[in-house]
Protein backbone atom coordinates (compact mmCIF):
# COMPACT_ATOMS: atom_id res chain seq x y z
CA MET A 1 37.71 241.44 237.51
CA THR A 2 39.68 238.61 239.05
CA THR A 3 38.82 236.34 241.94
CA GLU A 4 41.51 234.60 243.91
CA VAL A 5 41.83 232.60 247.07
CA ILE A 6 44.69 233.76 249.26
CA SER A 7 46.28 231.27 251.65
CA THR A 8 46.69 232.58 255.20
CA ALA A 9 47.67 231.01 258.53
CA GLN A 10 43.94 230.96 259.39
CA GLY A 11 42.94 229.33 256.10
CA PRO A 12 41.84 230.49 252.65
CA VAL A 13 40.43 233.99 252.08
CA SER A 14 38.49 234.79 248.91
CA VAL A 15 39.10 238.22 247.31
CA GLU A 16 37.48 239.69 244.19
CA ARG A 17 39.52 242.47 242.53
CA HIS A 18 38.43 245.17 240.08
CA GLY A 19 40.40 247.94 238.36
CA SER A 20 43.95 249.13 238.95
CA GLY A 21 45.72 251.83 240.88
CA ARG A 22 45.90 252.48 244.60
CA ASP A 23 44.20 249.79 246.67
CA ILE A 24 40.86 250.13 248.39
CA VAL A 25 39.86 247.21 250.62
CA MET A 26 36.12 246.76 251.15
CA LEU A 27 34.83 244.63 254.03
CA HIS A 28 31.14 243.78 254.09
CA SER A 29 29.13 243.61 257.31
CA LEU A 30 28.38 240.34 259.06
CA MET A 31 24.79 240.57 257.76
CA SER A 32 25.65 240.69 254.02
CA ASP A 33 28.25 239.56 251.47
CA ARG A 34 30.63 241.38 249.14
CA GLY A 35 27.79 241.86 246.64
CA ILE A 36 26.65 244.78 248.78
CA PHE A 37 29.29 246.89 246.98
CA ASP A 38 28.15 246.05 243.41
CA ALA A 39 26.65 249.51 242.82
CA ILE A 40 29.83 251.45 243.66
CA VAL A 41 32.57 249.15 242.33
CA PRO A 42 32.34 250.34 238.69
CA SER A 43 32.94 253.94 239.72
CA LEU A 44 35.71 253.21 242.23
CA SER A 45 37.51 250.81 239.91
CA GLN A 46 38.05 253.53 237.30
CA THR A 47 40.85 254.99 239.45
CA HIS A 48 41.60 252.32 242.08
CA ARG A 49 42.10 248.61 242.53
CA VAL A 50 39.06 247.59 244.58
CA ASN A 51 39.54 244.50 246.76
CA LEU A 52 36.29 242.89 247.91
CA VAL A 53 37.16 240.50 250.71
CA ASP A 54 34.85 237.66 251.72
CA LEU A 55 34.67 237.57 255.50
CA PRO A 56 34.76 234.17 257.22
CA GLY A 57 31.86 231.95 256.21
CA TYR A 58 31.35 233.66 252.83
CA GLY A 59 32.64 232.57 249.41
CA SER A 60 35.76 230.42 249.77
CA THR A 61 36.70 231.94 253.12
CA ARG A 62 36.27 229.32 255.84
CA ARG A 63 34.14 229.84 258.94
CA VAL A 64 35.80 230.81 262.23
CA ASP A 65 34.67 231.31 265.82
CA THR A 66 32.03 234.01 266.18
CA GLU A 67 34.20 236.38 268.23
CA ILE A 68 35.19 239.53 266.35
CA GLU A 69 38.84 238.83 267.19
CA ALA A 70 38.69 235.63 265.11
CA PHE A 71 37.39 237.64 262.13
CA ALA A 72 40.16 240.21 262.62
CA ASP A 73 42.81 237.48 262.69
CA VAL A 74 41.66 236.24 259.27
CA ILE A 75 41.69 239.70 257.71
């Protein structure tokens, strides 16, 4: 597992990565955090690189306006 902060035009985005292979990007809901995927990451990471992205306001990803478009711009 690695955790990195990616610089974007909208600010930093925190991503936790597991495994290797073809990428799978997991986005948690607005009512949880990336920990919601803990139960399935070990299985998925056996054959894929699993990217767990922190949405705005979680981890090192900065907060943005509450409109869904602002979240989409960050991702």
